[in-house]
Protein backbone atom coordinates (compact mmCIF):
# COMPACT_ATOMS: atom_id res chain seq x y z
CA MET A 1 -5.15 21.21 -24.99
CA THR A 2 -6.37 17.60 -24.59
CA GLU A 3 -3.41 15.15 -24.45
CA GLN A 4 -3.49 11.93 -26.41
CA PRO A 5 -5.14 9.04 -24.59
CA MET A 6 -2.69 6.33 -23.54
CA VAL A 7 -5.41 3.75 -22.84
CA ILE A 8 -7.74 2.35 -25.57
CA ASN A 9 -10.91 0.96 -23.98
CA ASP A 10 -13.36 -0.44 -26.50
CA PRO A 11 -15.71 -2.86 -24.64
CA ALA A 12 -17.85 -3.46 -27.76
CA ASN A 13 -14.93 -4.92 -29.55
CA CYS A 14 -13.32 -6.41 -26.43
CA ASP A 15 -10.22 -4.21 -27.03
CA PHE A 16 -8.22 -2.82 -24.08
CA ARG A 17 -4.64 -1.60 -24.65
CA VAL A 18 -2.23 0.52 -22.75
CA ASN A 19 0.36 2.57 -24.54
CA ARG A 20 3.84 1.49 -23.39
CA ALA A 21 5.05 5.05 -23.41
CA ALA A 22 3.19 5.32 -20.07
CA LEU A 23 5.79 3.06 -18.57
CA VAL A 24 8.99 4.61 -20.07
CA ASP A 25 8.36 8.38 -20.66
CA PRO A 26 9.79 10.74 -18.01
CA GLY A 27 7.35 13.32 -19.10
CA VAL A 28 4.53 10.93 -18.12
CA LEU A 29 5.97 10.62 -14.66
CA GLU A 30 6.04 14.38 -14.25
CA ARG A 31 2.43 14.60 -15.10
CA GLU A 32 1.66 11.64 -12.62
CA ARG A 33 3.29 13.53 -9.92
CA GLU A 34 1.07 16.48 -10.48
CA ARG A 35 -2.18 14.87 -11.38
CA ILE A 36 -2.07 11.66 -9.30
CA PHE A 37 0.30 11.79 -6.31
CA ASP A 38 -0.44 15.45 -5.52
CA LEU A 39 -4.21 14.96 -5.69
CA CYS A 40 -4.91 11.39 -4.30
CA TRP A 41 -5.00 10.17 -0.74
CA ILE A 42 -1.52 8.61 -0.21
CA TYR A 43 -0.63 6.09 2.59
CA VAL A 44 1.88 7.52 5.12
CA GLY A 45 2.07 4.88 7.92
CA HIS A 46 0.17 3.16 10.67
CA GLU A 47 -0.92 4.67 13.95
CA SER A 48 0.79 1.82 15.88
CA GLU A 49 4.20 3.03 14.58
CA VAL A 50 3.96 6.06 16.81
CA PRO A 51 2.19 4.79 19.99
CA LEU A 52 3.55 7.41 22.46
CA ALA A 53 3.54 11.16 22.66
CA GLY A 54 6.77 12.32 20.92
CA ASP A 55 7.17 9.18 18.86
CA PHE A 56 8.07 9.89 15.27
CA ARG A 57 8.90 8.32 11.90
CA THR A 58 10.32 10.31 8.93
CA ARG A 59 9.47 9.27 5.39
CA GLN A 60 9.56 10.46 1.83
CA ILE A 61 5.96 10.82 0.47
CA CYS A 62 5.30 11.97 -3.03
CA GLY A 63 8.87 13.30 -3.16
CA ARG A 64 8.47 15.31 0.01
CA PRO A 65 10.06 14.68 3.33
CA VAL A 66 7.43 14.27 6.06
CA ILE A 67 7.25 13.46 9.77
CA LEU A 68 4.60 11.07 11.13
CA CYS A 69 4.36 11.64 14.83
CA ARG A 70 2.04 11.82 17.85
CA ASP A 71 1.55 14.99 19.80
CA ASP A 72 1.11 15.55 23.47
CA ALA A 73 -2.69 15.40 23.09
CA GLY A 74 -2.38 11.86 21.66
CA ARG A 75 -3.23 12.91 18.11
CA VAL A 76 -1.33 11.40 15.18
CA ARG A 77 0.14 14.23 13.03
CA VAL A 78 1.89 14.54 9.75
CA PHE A 79 4.16 17.52 9.21
CA LEU A 80 6.22 18.63 6.24
CA ASN A 81 9.77 18.05 7.27
CA SER A 82 11.04 21.49 6.33
CA CYS A 83 12.04 24.50 8.50
CA ARG A 84 9.94 27.58 7.91
CA HIS A 85 13.15 29.73 8.12
CA ARG A 86 15.37 28.46 5.22
CA GLY A 87 14.00 24.98 4.41
CA ALA A 88 16.31 22.47 5.95
CA VAL A 89 14.79 19.28 7.28
CA VAL A 90 14.13 19.62 11.06
CA CYS A 91 14.10 15.88 11.85
CA ARG A 92 17.02 13.95 10.44
CA GLU A 93 16.55 10.64 12.17
CA PRO A 94 14.42 7.88 10.64
CA GLU A 95 12.60 7.25 13.91
CA GLY A 96 12.66 7.93 17.58
CA ASN A 97 11.05 10.11 20.34
CA ALA A 98 11.53 13.82 20.56
CA ARG A 99 10.19 16.70 22.66
CA HIS A 100 11.22 19.15 20.01
CA PHE A 101 12.17 19.08 16.37
CA THR A 102 15.18 21.33 15.97
CA CYS A 103 16.71 22.58 12.70
CA PHE A 104 20.48 22.03 12.97
CA TYR A 105 21.17 24.92 10.50
CA HIS A 106 20.01 27.93 12.49
CA GLY A 107 18.50 26.29 15.47
CA TRP A 108 14.80 27.06 15.04
CA SER A 109 12.83 24.46 16.97
CA TYR A 110 9.22 23.16 16.93
CA ASP A 111 7.17 21.36 19.62
CA ARG A 112 5.25 18.20 19.16
CA ALA A 113 2.31 20.06 17.83
CA GLY A 114 4.47 21.72 15.20
CA CYS A 115 4.45 25.18 16.76
CA LEU A 116 7.64 27.28 16.42
CA ASP A 117 8.82 27.52 20.08
CA GLY A 118 12.43 28.45 19.77
CA VAL A 119 14.26 31.12 17.67
CA PRO A 120 17.85 31.91 18.51
CA GLY A 121 18.55 35.64 18.60
CA ARG A 122 14.81 36.33 18.67
CA SER A 123 15.46 40.07 19.44
CA ALA A 124 17.24 40.70 16.23
CA TYR A 125 13.94 40.12 14.19
CA PRO A 126 11.64 43.11 13.56
CA PRO A 127 8.51 43.68 15.63
CA SER A 128 6.35 42.34 12.74
CA PHE A 129 7.96 38.86 13.16
CA ASP A 130 5.38 36.63 14.83
CA PRO A 131 6.51 32.99 15.66
CA ALA A 132 2.86 31.88 15.68
CA GLN A 133 2.76 32.46 11.87
CA PHE A 134 5.51 30.01 11.23
CA PRO A 135 4.49 26.51 12.48
CA LEU A 136 5.56 23.35 10.67
CA LEU A 137 3.15 23.07 7.75
CA GLU A 138 0.81 20.10 7.44
CA PRO A 139 -0.62 18.57 4.22
CA ALA A 140 -4.07 19.90 3.29
CA HIS A 141 -5.64 16.78 4.76
CA VAL A 142 -4.58 13.98 7.14
CA ALA A 143 -6.96 11.22 8.16
CA SER A 144 -6.88 7.58 9.12
CA TYR A 145 -9.13 4.58 8.62
CA ARG A 146 -8.86 1.61 11.04
CA GLY A 147 -5.32 2.76 11.91
CA PHE A 148 -4.10 3.33 8.36
CA VAL A 149 -2.89 7.00 8.06
CA PHE A 150 -3.22 8.84 4.79
CA LEU A 151 -2.42 12.36 3.62
CA CYS A 152 -3.64 14.42 0.61
CA PHE A 153 -2.17 17.62 -0.70
CA ASP A 154 -5.38 18.60 -2.49
CA PRO A 155 -7.47 21.00 -0.47
CA ALA A 156 -10.62 20.04 -2.38
CA ALA A 157 -10.18 16.25 -1.94
CA MET A 158 -13.15 14.12 -0.99
CA PRO A 159 -13.16 12.64 2.60
CA LEU A 160 -10.86 9.65 3.02
CA GLU A 161 -13.77 7.17 3.65
CA ASP A 162 -15.42 8.18 0.40
CA TYR A 163 -12.19 7.94 -1.39
CA LEU A 164 -11.58 4.34 -0.08
CA ALA A 165 -15.00 3.33 -1.25
CA GLY A 166 -15.27 -0.52 -1.52
CA ALA A 167 -11.64 -0.89 -0.25
CA ARG A 168 -13.00 -0.42 3.32
CA GLU A 169 -14.62 -3.83 3.25
CA TYR A 170 -11.26 -5.50 2.69
CA ILE A 171 -9.49 -3.40 5.30
CA ASP A 172 -12.18 -4.45 7.70
CA LEU A 173 -11.42 -8.14 6.98
CA VAL A 174 -7.85 -7.43 8.05
CA ILE A 175 -8.81 -5.76 11.21
CA ASP A 176 -11.23 -8.50 12.06
CA GLN A 177 -8.27 -10.78 12.71
CA SER A 178 -7.77 -8.96 16.02
CA PRO A 179 -10.09 -9.64 19.01
CA SER A 180 -9.87 -6.00 19.99
CA GLY A 181 -9.78 -4.56 16.51
CA GLN A 182 -6.22 -3.34 17.13
CA MET A 183 -3.60 -4.30 14.64
CA GLU A 184 0.04 -3.24 14.91
CA VAL A 185 2.99 -2.81 12.53
CA ILE A 186 5.65 -5.32 13.66
CA ARG A 187 9.04 -3.56 14.11
CA GLY A 188 11.22 -3.70 11.03
CA VAL A 189 10.79 -2.64 7.45
CA GLN A 190 11.87 -4.27 4.14
CA GLU A 191 13.23 -1.52 1.76
CA TYR A 192 14.55 -2.17 -1.77
CA ASP A 193 14.44 -0.59 -5.21
CA ILE A 194 13.15 -2.14 -8.41
CA GLU A 195 14.44 -1.08 -11.85
CA ALA A 196 10.99 -0.79 -13.21
CA ASN A 197 8.06 1.68 -13.62
CA TRP A 198 5.95 1.83 -10.46
CA LYS A 199 2.77 0.92 -12.32
CA LEU A 200 4.18 -2.43 -13.20
CA LEU A 201 4.27 -3.26 -9.47
CA VAL A 202 0.63 -2.24 -9.26
CA GLU A 203 -0.27 -4.67 -12.11
CA ASN A 204 1.86 -7.43 -10.50
CA SER A 205 0.45 -7.07 -7.03
CA PHE A 206 -3.02 -8.32 -8.00
CA ASP A 207 -2.25 -10.25 -11.18
CA ASP A 208 -2.89 -13.95 -10.42
CA TYR A 209 -2.37 -14.97 -14.06
CA HIS A 210 1.36 -15.05 -13.54
CA LEU A 211 1.25 -17.40 -10.50
CA LEU A 212 1.67 -20.81 -12.26
CA THR A 213 4.75 -19.74 -14.24
CA THR A 214 6.56 -17.09 -12.27
CA HIS A 215 6.07 -18.75 -8.79
CA SER A 216 6.36 -22.39 -9.92
CA THR A 217 9.01 -22.93 -7.27
CA TRP A 218 6.71 -21.76 -4.57
CA LEU A 219 3.88 -24.02 -5.78
CA ASP A 220 6.24 -26.99 -6.01
CA TYR A 221 7.36 -26.24 -2.33
CA LEU A 222 3.75 -26.34 -1.17
CA ARG A 223 2.94 -29.54 -2.99
CA ASN A 224 6.03 -31.26 -1.69
CA ALA A 225 4.98 -30.12 1.91
CA GLY A 226 1.64 -31.85 1.39
CA VAL A 227 -0.52 -28.83 0.76
CA GLU A 228 -3.62 -29.74 -1.19
CA MET A 229 -4.53 -27.24 -3.85
CA LYS A 230 -7.94 -27.91 -5.26
CA ARG A 231 -10.99 -26.18 -6.34
CA PRO A 232 -13.45 -25.40 -3.47
CA GLU A 233 -16.74 -27.33 -3.10
CA ARG A 234 -19.93 -25.77 -4.33
CA GLY A 235 -21.31 -23.20 -1.97
CA HIS A 236 -17.90 -21.95 -0.96
CA LEU A 237 -17.43 -18.32 -0.20
CA LEU A 238 -15.67 -17.84 -3.49
CA PRO A 239 -15.88 -19.58 -6.88
CA ALA A 240 -12.95 -21.48 -8.40
CA HIS A 241 -9.71 -20.26 -6.74
CA GLY A 242 -10.85 -16.70 -6.55
CA VAL A 243 -12.21 -13.63 -8.13
CA GLY A 244 -11.17 -10.07 -9.29
CA ARG A 245 -13.36 -7.27 -8.07
CA VAL A 246 -13.42 -3.47 -8.77
CA LEU A 247 -13.96 -1.38 -5.70
CA GLY A 248 -14.23 2.16 -7.05
CA ASN A 249 -11.89 5.06 -7.42
CA GLY A 250 -9.25 2.78 -9.08
CA HIS A 251 -9.09 0.45 -6.12
CA ALA A 252 -9.39 -3.26 -6.83
CA VAL A 253 -8.75 -6.73 -5.40
CA VAL A 254 -8.06 -10.30 -6.09
CA ASP A 255 -10.05 -12.35 -3.57
CA ASN A 256 -8.84 -15.94 -3.36
CA VAL A 257 -9.39 -19.34 -1.67
CA ASN A 258 -6.67 -19.79 0.89
CA PHE A 259 -4.53 -22.83 0.17
CA ARG A 260 -1.22 -21.50 1.29
CA GLY A 261 -2.19 -20.88 4.84
CA ARG A 262 -1.68 -18.10 7.39
CA PRO A 263 -1.69 -17.67 11.14
CA VAL A 264 -5.53 -17.48 11.26
CA ALA A 265 -6.24 -20.24 8.77
CA LYS A 266 -6.84 -23.95 9.06
CA TRP A 267 -3.58 -25.73 9.92
CA ILE A 268 -1.52 -26.69 6.83
CA PRO A 269 1.68 -28.79 6.69
CA VAL A 270 4.07 -25.97 5.90
CA TYR A 271 3.59 -24.53 9.41
CA GLY A 272 4.65 -27.84 11.00
CA GLU A 273 2.80 -30.06 13.45
CA ALA A 274 3.90 -27.93 16.46
CA ALA A 275 1.81 -25.05 15.08
CA ARG A 276 -1.34 -26.89 14.98
CA PRO A 277 -2.64 -26.17 18.50
CA GLU A 278 -1.98 -22.43 18.27
CA ILE A 279 -3.70 -22.11 14.88
CA GLU A 280 -6.70 -24.15 16.01
CA ARG A 281 -6.91 -21.86 19.06
CA ILE A 282 -6.96 -18.72 16.92
CA ARG A 283 -9.58 -20.21 14.71
CA ALA A 284 -11.80 -21.11 17.58
CA GLU A 285 -11.56 -17.42 18.91
CA LEU A 286 -12.57 -16.17 15.40
CA VAL A 287 -15.52 -18.45 15.24
CA ALA A 288 -16.72 -17.55 18.71
CA ARG A 289 -16.35 -13.82 18.06
CA LEU A 290 -17.45 -13.53 14.43
CA GLY A 291 -19.66 -16.60 13.77
CA GLU A 292 -18.79 -19.45 11.33
CA ARG A 293 -19.29 -17.61 8.07
CA ARG A 294 -17.42 -14.41 8.91
CA ALA A 295 -14.66 -16.41 10.60
CA ALA A 296 -14.38 -18.43 7.35
CA ARG A 297 -14.29 -15.31 5.29
CA VAL A 298 -11.35 -13.94 7.39
CA ALA A 299 -9.49 -17.14 7.70
CA ASP A 300 -10.22 -19.23 4.57
CA THR A 301 -9.82 -16.50 1.83
CA ASN A 302 -6.85 -14.24 1.16
CA ARG A 303 -6.69 -11.10 -0.81
CA ASN A 304 -4.31 -8.64 -2.58
CA LEU A 305 -5.88 -5.21 -2.25
CA VAL A 306 -4.62 -2.22 -4.28
CA VAL A 307 -5.59 1.20 -2.99
CA PHE A 308 -5.08 3.67 -5.80
CA PRO A 309 -2.46 4.66 -6.55
CA ASN A 310 0.30 2.93 -4.59
CA LEU A 311 -0.77 1.00 -1.53
CA VAL A 312 -0.95 -2.73 -1.50
CA ILE A 313 -2.31 -4.80 1.38
CA ASN A 314 -1.44 -8.42 0.87
CA ASP A 315 -3.69 -10.32 3.33
CA GLY A 316 -2.40 -13.80 2.62
CA SER A 317 0.24 -16.02 4.31
CA SER A 318 0.69 -12.89 6.48
CA VAL A 319 -0.56 -9.37 6.32
CA THR A 320 1.86 -7.23 4.49
CA ILE A 321 1.55 -3.47 3.88
CA ARG A 322 3.43 -2.48 0.83
CA THR A 323 3.89 0.98 -0.70
CA PHE A 324 6.13 2.25 -3.48
CA HIS A 325 7.14 5.59 -4.93
CA PRO A 326 8.57 6.37 -8.32
CA LEU A 327 12.24 7.62 -8.40
CA ALA A 328 12.35 7.72 -12.19
CA ALA A 329 10.33 6.46 -14.96
CA ASN A 330 12.10 3.20 -14.74
CA ARG A 331 12.88 2.85 -11.04
CA MET A 332 10.84 2.78 -7.86
CA GLN A 333 11.53 2.51 -4.16
CA VAL A 334 9.45 -0.11 -2.26
CA ARG A 335 8.82 -0.41 1.52
CA ALA A 336 6.97 -3.28 3.17
CA TRP A 337 5.88 -3.85 6.82
CA ALA A 338 4.21 -6.83 8.53
CA LEU A 339 0.96 -6.22 10.41
CA GLY A 340 -0.49 -8.33 13.14
CA PRO A 341 -2.93 -8.35 15.96
CA VAL A 342 -1.70 -6.64 19.16
CA GLU A 343 -2.93 -9.70 21.24
CA GLU A 344 -0.91 -12.19 19.16
CA THR A 345 1.03 -14.76 21.22
CA PRO A 346 4.80 -15.16 20.59
CA ALA A 347 4.09 -18.50 18.83
CA ALA A 348 1.49 -16.92 16.42
CA ARG A 349 3.86 -13.94 15.89
CA ALA A 350 6.71 -16.23 14.85
CA ILE A 351 4.54 -18.01 12.33
CA ARG A 352 3.43 -14.65 10.98
CA LEU A 353 6.99 -13.29 10.60
CA ASP A 354 8.13 -16.54 9.05
CA SER A 355 5.41 -16.15 6.38
CA PHE A 356 6.23 -12.52 5.84
CA LEU A 357 9.84 -13.26 5.22
CA THR A 358 9.64 -16.51 3.34
CA PHE A 359 6.95 -15.44 0.88
CA TYR A 360 6.89 -11.64 0.59
CA GLY A 361 10.47 -10.77 1.77
CA PRO A 362 13.05 -9.56 -0.71
CA GLY A 363 14.82 -12.91 -0.26
CA GLY A 364 11.64 -15.05 -0.11
CA PHE A 365 9.87 -17.32 -2.49
CA ALA A 366 7.69 -14.69 -4.28
CA THR A 367 9.31 -11.28 -4.25
CA PRO A 368 12.61 -12.06 -6.07
CA ASP A 369 10.54 -13.69 -8.80
CA ASP A 370 8.39 -10.68 -9.09
CA ILE A 371 11.30 -8.28 -9.12
CA GLU A 372 12.98 -10.31 -11.88
CA ALA A 373 9.72 -10.27 -13.90
CA LEU A 374 9.21 -6.60 -13.61
CA GLU A 375 12.77 -5.74 -14.46
CA MET A 376 12.59 -7.96 -17.57
CA VAL A 377 9.31 -6.23 -18.53
CA GLN A 378 11.04 -2.91 -18.18
CA ALA A 379 14.00 -4.15 -20.32
CA GLY A 380 11.52 -5.35 -23.00
CA LEU A 381 9.80 -1.96 -23.02
CA ALA A 382 12.80 -0.41 -24.75
CA THR A 383 11.02 -1.62 -27.91
CA TRP A 384 8.05 0.66 -27.21
CA ARG A 385 8.43 2.68 -30.45
CA GLU A 386 8.22 -0.47 -32.48
CA MET A 387 5.64 -2.25 -30.24
CA PRO A 388 3.62 0.61 -28.65
CA TRP A 389 0.75 -1.30 -27.08
CA SER A 390 0.28 -3.84 -24.27
CA VAL A 391 -2.87 -5.93 -24.41
CA MET A 392 -5.10 -6.32 -21.34
CA THR A 393 -8.21 -8.05 -22.54
CA ARG A 394 -8.28 -11.23 -20.48
CA GLY A 395 -11.79 -11.94 -19.24
CA MET A 396 -13.20 -8.98 -21.23
CA ALA A 397 -15.71 -11.15 -23.21
CA LYS A 398 -17.18 -12.68 -20.05
CA GLU A 399 -20.43 -11.68 -18.48
CA GLY A 400 -20.71 -11.57 -14.72
CA GLU A 401 -17.99 -12.17 -12.14
CA GLN A 402 -14.39 -12.30 -13.25
CA LEU A 403 -11.70 -14.61 -12.02
CA ASN A 404 -8.59 -13.56 -10.19
CA THR A 405 -6.63 -14.62 -13.27
CA ASP A 406 -8.70 -12.27 -15.50
CA GLU A 407 -7.81 -8.56 -15.91
CA LEU A 408 -10.80 -6.63 -15.00
CA HIS A 409 -9.12 -5.33 -11.79
CA LEU A 410 -6.06 -4.25 -13.78
CA ARG A 411 -8.27 -2.47 -16.34
CA ALA A 412 -10.00 -0.57 -13.44
CA PHE A 413 -6.56 0.78 -12.24
CA TRP A 414 -5.71 1.89 -15.85
CA LEU A 415 -9.11 3.58 -16.36
CA GLU A 416 -8.67 5.57 -13.13
CA TRP A 417 -5.14 6.49 -14.14
CA GLN A 418 -6.26 7.60 -17.60
CA GLN A 419 -9.08 9.78 -16.27
CA ARG A 420 -6.76 11.45 -13.75
CA MET A 421 -4.04 12.02 -16.33
CA GLN A 422 -6.46 13.67 -18.69
CA THR A 423 -7.68 16.13 -15.97
CA VAL A 424 -5.74 19.35 -15.71
CA PRO A 425 -5.29 20.09 -12.05
CA ARG A 426 -6.44 23.27 -10.43
CA LYS A 427 -3.82 25.85 -9.52
CA ARG A 428 -3.02 25.85 -5.82
CA THR A 429 -2.00 28.78 -3.67
CA ALA A 430 0.86 28.31 -1.21
CA ALA A 431 0.49 28.84 2.48
């Protein structure tokens, strides 16, 4: 039976609405887990987080405990963190280095390749018991693009690079910041919960319409620091202050002129005069390696990229990887990491981390404002029975390119969401 659509899309009449039940109904979340999180490519972590054989990180991905690790052959692996015997997690630490993953319940142990290599009292098992048949299980697919590691539980999923579609272009812009093409996650993670539906953070992450009102304190800080915020000259890489672009498969981006600065940008006052030589050195390296136009594309524009469904790469005042998972229809858990070139000097790294904390950090200029906004939206959605629809038509009557303050990119997310929610998933067989 076809379920009632929760998105109205009527381009001829410039009408686009989202049913607010999609943001409050626990039944919707259950279908999302089955039709979106169990079938899409989901970000797990970055290769740089497990640089050595035996290094591991444990995480909850799509409600499942997993181990991101590197085996003795140097391969990055993702295992389901559950013993094949009776189901207990076999790795209880958040990170570290291990030669074996040993279940504390009955002592079954697994090597770095996930093979069962230790069974206490092995002789008590019948002759038919074969340890080779009981390795740690892996998701149906694990793949990486430019160091970003994803998993997918759907055996029939398209290849990761096809899934990423136009998002690859924007990930490449991030990687081009490194002379060697090697970026690394900087040690440390921001973790916090938001009392709001996870899709509200998707919207917020590339909704530049809210900047002037929600982040007025940050804009005042920039102005007081002497930062000039003006429209770019004709012939610039981007029109106005930026554009919103649809990248395929639900991915989208806001692509902006960079006025707030970053460690690869032109020097701006908020970094302080002492930072000028280092930033000028970085920019000169970019120009020498990439040419003037590509260097300007990397340094003079910033972007908020959403990879459907729940990965955001903020390439602005710093590079931030942010991912979030629903805990309930009105609650999500957020994790965020800073990313930087492996060759970065201590001076440049300090600038990057300062930007990461002061803008995107949970105590920074932007994130507390956003959390407050999303939680106020969630509170207002208690009226969903009386006011069932949210309107999302900004820019819909325009022809051609949409601005970053329009809502084309938000509509792209919701159209992908609607399509997937209306598709009944195939039945899967267990291993």
